């Protein structure tokens, strides 16, 4: 898919807010200038979404891991769909039990009957070296997340491997990303991958991260209402080229953003 494809749908974001217990070392939500939402209940989120104009899709993403409690996360998906009958995308670093995967599968079948889509994005940041970015013991291993991706896909849920943040090869060997792709390429609908953004605070947390790399200034995601925070985008073009090449060889679509990954479904 060409990445210049026009986005013709409107999205809104939903999150339980509060500080994430995963505390990943690369996460921008822990930097001093980041304004974090308070802890929201499901009813709070629904009320907030009702205050917005008509939208096509809700992203359950941003601010924190929204599936620390998987049952409550799935309840949020159900409530959003029951209320708005919209498409839904969720992102997680967690894994679900077989019982909860079946719950999600049932929701997906209901949505399909209404010609709506449920998109699952499972984040993996490395393979053997993942503790450099994800030191928290609450976070399942990459191998467990790979298996989770396979289970979701086999339940006919549109599933994306969210392979990010991509780091320089000398910090996270690029071969680790390629290994994850090779293990999931037959069990997902695409790979979403982008580089890492840092500031001095994040760099202090990433022990051994190279300081001499080329950086580009980048505004933090506008969708998180943090427009004034300036981060540095690490130049990982060479690493991303190898990832794209691996995706091409394994016949799996590559996307630099989730909004591009779901275009072919929502732009019909």
Protein backbone atom coordinates (compact mmCIF):
# COMPACT_ATOMS: atom_id res chain seq x y z
CA UNK A 1 0.00 0.00 0.00
CA UNK A 2 1.28 3.44 -0.89
CA UNK A 3 1.75 5.62 2.16
CA UNK A 4 0.53 8.77 0.36
CA UNK A 5 -2.98 7.28 0.55
CA UNK A 6 -5.46 9.90 1.77
CA UNK A 7 -7.03 9.39 5.21
CA UNK A 8 -10.79 9.87 4.80
CA UNK A 9 -12.00 8.79 8.22
CA UNK A 10 -12.13 10.49 11.60
CA UNK A 11 -10.68 8.90 14.72
CA UNK A 12 -10.93 9.56 18.44
CA UNK A 13 -8.74 8.25 21.25
CA UNK A 14 -9.80 6.56 24.48
CA UNK A 15 -7.65 5.69 27.49
CA UNK A 16 -8.12 4.92 31.15
CA UNK A 17 -5.40 7.48 31.85
CA UNK A 18 -3.13 7.69 34.86
CA UNK A 19 0.45 6.50 35.07
CA UNK A 20 1.17 3.19 33.40
CA UNK A 21 2.59 0.49 35.71
CA UNK A 22 4.66 -0.94 32.83
CA UNK A 23 6.98 2.13 32.97
CA UNK A 24 8.86 1.36 29.76
CA UNK A 25 12.20 3.18 29.61
CA UNK A 26 11.44 4.77 26.23
CA UNK A 27 7.93 5.98 27.09
CA UNK A 28 7.38 9.71 26.63
CA UNK A 29 4.41 9.76 29.04
CA UNK A 30 6.87 9.72 31.95
CA UNK A 31 8.84 12.80 30.94
CA UNK A 32 8.46 15.85 33.20
CA UNK A 33 6.52 18.05 30.74
CA UNK A 34 3.99 15.44 29.74
CA UNK A 35 0.47 16.11 30.99
CA UNK A 36 -1.17 12.83 31.98
CA UNK A 37 -4.92 12.35 32.18
CA UNK A 38 -6.47 11.29 35.44
CA UNK A 39 -7.67 7.73 35.92
CA UNK A 40 -10.89 7.38 33.93
CA UNK A 41 -13.68 4.85 34.38
CA UNK A 42 -15.48 3.24 31.44
CA UNK A 43 -18.42 5.61 32.00
CA UNK A 44 -16.03 8.59 31.98
CA UNK A 45 -14.60 7.48 28.65
CA UNK A 46 -18.03 6.98 27.10
CA UNK A 47 -19.14 10.41 28.32
CA UNK A 48 -16.01 12.00 26.86
CA UNK A 49 -16.53 10.29 23.49
CA UNK A 50 -20.13 11.48 23.40
CA UNK A 51 -18.87 15.07 23.61
CA UNK A 52 -17.08 14.73 20.26
CA UNK A 53 -18.52 15.06 16.80
CA UNK A 54 -19.24 11.98 14.73
CA UNK A 55 -16.24 9.69 14.31
CA UNK A 56 -15.51 6.50 12.39
CA UNK A 57 -13.10 4.72 14.71
CA UNK A 58 -11.98 4.79 18.34
CA UNK A 59 -8.36 4.02 19.22
CA UNK A 60 -7.99 2.46 22.66
CA UNK A 61 -4.41 3.59 22.94
CA UNK A 62 -2.14 6.28 24.30
CA UNK A 63 -1.11 7.40 27.78
CA UNK A 64 -0.87 3.91 29.29
CA UNK A 65 -1.37 0.20 28.81
CA UNK A 66 -5.16 -0.06 28.81
CA UNK A 67 -5.23 -3.83 29.26
CA UNK A 68 -3.48 -4.20 32.62
CA UNK A 69 -6.81 -5.65 33.65
CA UNK A 70 -7.80 -7.50 30.48
CA UNK A 71 -11.42 -8.07 31.52
CA UNK A 72 -12.00 -4.35 32.07
CA UNK A 73 -10.26 -3.54 28.79
CA UNK A 74 -12.55 -5.92 26.91
CA UNK A 75 -15.54 -4.45 28.74
CA UNK A 76 -14.47 -1.04 27.41
CA UNK A 77 -14.39 -2.41 23.86
CA UNK A 78 -17.90 -3.84 24.32
CA UNK A 79 -19.25 -0.60 25.79
CA UNK A 80 -17.77 1.57 23.05
CA UNK A 81 -19.22 -0.66 20.36
CA UNK A 82 -22.64 -0.97 22.00
CA UNK A 83 -22.83 2.81 22.36
CA UNK A 84 -21.37 4.06 19.07
CA UNK A 85 -21.43 1.10 16.63
CA UNK A 86 -18.06 2.27 15.32
CA UNK A 87 -14.80 0.63 14.27
CA UNK A 88 -12.33 0.03 17.12
CA UNK A 89 -8.56 -0.33 17.26
CA UNK A 90 -6.72 -1.31 20.42
CA UNK A 91 -3.02 -1.50 21.22
CA UNK A 92 -1.46 -3.63 23.94
CA UNK A 93 1.81 -5.06 25.22
CA UNK A 94 -0.10 -7.53 27.34
CA UNK A 95 -1.44 -10.97 26.43
CA UNK A 96 -4.95 -12.38 26.93
CA UNK A 97 -6.03 -15.76 28.23
CA UNK A 98 -7.81 -18.18 25.88
CA UNK A 99 -11.12 -17.28 27.56
CA UNK A 100 -10.60 -13.57 26.92
CA UNK A 101 -9.47 -14.15 23.35
CA UNK A 102 -12.76 -15.96 22.80
CA UNK A 103 -14.65 -12.99 24.28
CA UNK A 104 -12.84 -10.73 21.84
CA UNK A 105 -13.61 -13.12 19.00
CA UNK A 106 -17.33 -12.95 19.82
CA UNK A 107 -17.22 -9.14 19.79
CA UNK A 108 -15.42 -9.27 16.46
CA UNK A 109 -18.10 -11.50 14.92
CA UNK A 110 -20.82 -9.13 16.09
CA UNK A 111 -18.98 -6.17 14.58
CA UNK A 112 -18.44 -8.01 11.28
CA UNK A 113 -22.20 -8.53 10.96
CA UNK A 114 -22.56 -4.75 11.13
CA UNK A 115 -19.72 -4.23 8.61
CA UNK A 116 -17.47 -2.79 11.29
CA UNK A 117 -13.88 -3.69 12.07
CA UNK A 118 -11.96 -4.61 15.20
CA UNK A 119 -8.21 -4.07 14.85
CA UNK A 120 -5.71 -5.55 17.30
CA UNK A 121 -2.20 -4.07 17.52
CA UNK A 122 0.26 -6.05 19.64
CA UNK A 123 3.42 -4.12 20.51
CA UNK A 124 6.84 -5.74 20.61
CA UNK A 125 9.94 -3.56 21.01
CA UNK A 126 12.74 -6.14 20.64
CA UNK A 127 13.38 -9.87 21.04
CA UNK A 128 16.29 -10.97 23.25
CA UNK A 129 17.09 -7.38 24.24
CA UNK A 130 13.58 -6.27 25.17
CA UNK A 131 14.48 -5.67 28.84
CA UNK A 132 16.53 -2.65 27.77
CA UNK A 133 13.23 -0.97 26.95
CA UNK A 134 10.73 -2.97 28.99
CA UNK A 135 12.30 -3.81 32.37
CA UNK A 136 8.97 -4.29 34.18
CA UNK A 137 8.26 -7.89 35.17
CA UNK A 138 4.55 -7.36 34.41
CA UNK A 139 5.26 -7.23 30.67
CA UNK A 140 5.01 -10.62 28.93
CA UNK A 141 8.04 -11.80 26.96
CA UNK A 142 8.17 -11.15 23.20
CA UNK A 143 7.67 -14.86 22.56
CA UNK A 144 4.43 -14.85 24.55
CA UNK A 145 3.26 -11.81 22.61
CA UNK A 146 4.17 -13.51 19.33
CA UNK A 147 1.99 -16.46 20.33
CA UNK A 148 -0.79 -14.03 21.28
CA UNK A 149 -0.63 -12.46 17.82
CA UNK A 150 -1.04 -15.91 16.27
CA UNK A 151 -4.06 -16.71 18.46
CA UNK A 152 -5.79 -13.43 17.57
CA UNK A 153 -5.17 -13.94 13.87
CA UNK A 154 -6.51 -17.50 13.99
CA UNK A 155 -9.74 -16.09 15.48
CA UNK A 156 -10.13 -13.97 12.32
CA UNK A 157 -9.34 -10.73 14.14
CA UNK A 158 -7.45 -8.21 11.99
CA UNK A 159 -4.10 -8.22 13.78
CA UNK A 160 -1.01 -6.08 13.33
CA UNK A 161 2.46 -6.62 14.71
CA UNK A 162 3.34 -3.20 16.12
CA UNK A 163 7.12 -3.34 15.99
CA UNK A 164 8.26 -0.16 17.71
CA UNK A 165 10.10 1.81 18.77
CA UNK A 166 12.88 0.89 16.37
CA UNK A 167 16.29 1.66 17.91
CA UNK A 168 19.76 1.94 16.35
CA UNK A 169 21.34 -1.40 15.49
CA UNK A 170 24.11 -0.92 18.06
CA UNK A 171 21.54 -0.67 20.87
CA UNK A 172 18.91 -3.18 19.70
CA UNK A 173 20.34 -5.43 16.94
CA UNK A 174 18.15 -5.12 13.85
CA UNK A 175 18.23 -8.90 13.46
CA UNK A 176 15.94 -9.09 16.51
CA UNK A 177 13.20 -7.16 14.70
CA UNK A 178 13.65 -9.38 11.65
CA UNK A 179 13.29 -12.48 13.82
CA UNK A 180 9.96 -11.23 15.19
CA UNK A 181 8.73 -10.56 11.65
CA UNK A 182 9.74 -14.03 10.49
CA UNK A 183 7.83 -15.62 13.38
CA UNK A 184 4.64 -13.62 12.80
CA UNK A 185 4.50 -12.97 9.05
CA UNK A 186 2.04 -15.80 8.43
CA UNK A 187 -0.14 -14.83 11.38
CA UNK A 188 -0.79 -11.10 11.06
CA UNK A 189 -2.23 -8.61 8.59
CA UNK A 190 0.75 -6.29 8.54
CA UNK A 191 3.66 -4.72 10.40
CA UNK A 192 3.49 -1.21 11.84
CA UNK A 193 6.94 0.11 12.59
CA UNK A 194 8.53 3.48 13.39
CA UNK A 195 11.62 4.91 15.07
CA UNK A 196 12.24 6.04 18.62
CA UNK A 197 11.76 9.59 19.91
CA UNK A 198 13.85 10.77 22.85
CA UNK A 199 14.79 13.71 25.02
CA UNK A 200 17.52 14.03 27.66
CA UNK A 201 15.36 12.39 30.32
CA UNK A 202 14.64 9.33 28.18
CA UNK A 203 18.29 9.08 27.15
CA UNK A 204 19.28 8.93 30.82
CA UNK A 205 16.96 5.97 31.27
CA UNK A 206 18.28 4.11 28.23
CA UNK A 207 21.63 2.92 29.53
CA UNK A 208 24.09 2.40 26.70
CA UNK A 209 22.01 4.25 24.10
CA UNK A 210 24.30 6.01 21.58
CA UNK A 211 24.53 9.78 21.92
CA UNK A 212 26.22 10.46 18.60
CA UNK A 213 23.35 9.58 16.28
CA UNK A 214 21.63 12.04 13.97
CA UNK A 215 18.47 13.49 15.47
CA UNK A 216 15.55 15.38 14.01
CA UNK A 217 13.22 17.58 16.02
CA UNK A 218 9.70 16.27 16.12
CA UNK A 219 6.51 17.46 17.78
CA UNK A 220 4.93 14.86 20.00
CA UNK A 221 1.70 13.35 18.70
CA UNK A 222 -0.93 16.04 18.24
CA UNK A 223 -3.62 13.47 18.99
CA UNK A 224 -2.38 13.33 22.59
CA UNK A 225 -2.72 17.11 22.96
CA UNK A 226 0.98 17.50 23.71
CA UNK A 227 1.81 19.71 20.73
CA UNK A 228 4.30 21.88 22.61
CA UNK A 229 6.60 19.06 23.64
CA UNK A 230 9.59 18.77 21.33
CA UNK A 231 11.31 15.40 21.09
CA UNK A 232 14.26 14.25 19.01
CA UNK A 233 13.61 11.58 16.43
CA UNK A 234 16.55 9.20 16.12
CA UNK A 235 17.58 8.57 12.53
CA UNK A 236 17.02 4.83 12.04
CA UNK A 237 16.40 4.91 8.29
CA UNK A 238 18.88 2.09 7.65
CA UNK A 239 17.21 -0.12 10.25
CA UNK A 240 13.74 0.64 8.90
CA UNK A 241 14.92 -0.13 5.36
CA UNK A 242 15.97 -3.63 6.47
CA UNK A 243 12.63 -4.11 8.23
CA UNK A 244 10.72 -3.04 5.12
CA UNK A 245 12.87 -5.35 3.02
CA UNK A 246 12.17 -8.26 5.38
CA UNK A 247 8.43 -7.56 5.20
CA UNK A 248 8.61 -7.51 1.40
CA UNK A 249 10.48 -10.82 1.28
CA UNK A 250 7.96 -12.40 3.65
CA UNK A 251 5.02 -10.93 1.72
CA UNK A 252 3.63 -8.97 4.64
CA UNK A 253 2.54 -5.29 4.32
CA UNK A 254 4.64 -2.63 6.08
CA UNK A 255 3.21 0.60 7.49
CA UNK A 256 4.81 3.54 9.28
CA UNK A 257 1.57 4.40 11.14
CA UNK A 258 -1.54 2.58 12.29
CA UNK A 259 -3.80 5.04 10.47
CA UNK A 260 -2.21 3.91 7.21
CA UNK A 261 -2.51 0.22 8.11
CA UNK A 262 -6.29 0.39 8.40
CA UNK A 263 -6.91 2.59 5.34
CA UNK A 264 -7.76 -0.27 3.03
CA UNK A 265 -10.52 -1.33 5.43
CA UNK A 266 -12.03 2.05 6.30
CA UNK A 267 -11.57 3.81 2.95
CA UNK A 268 -13.83 1.39 1.10
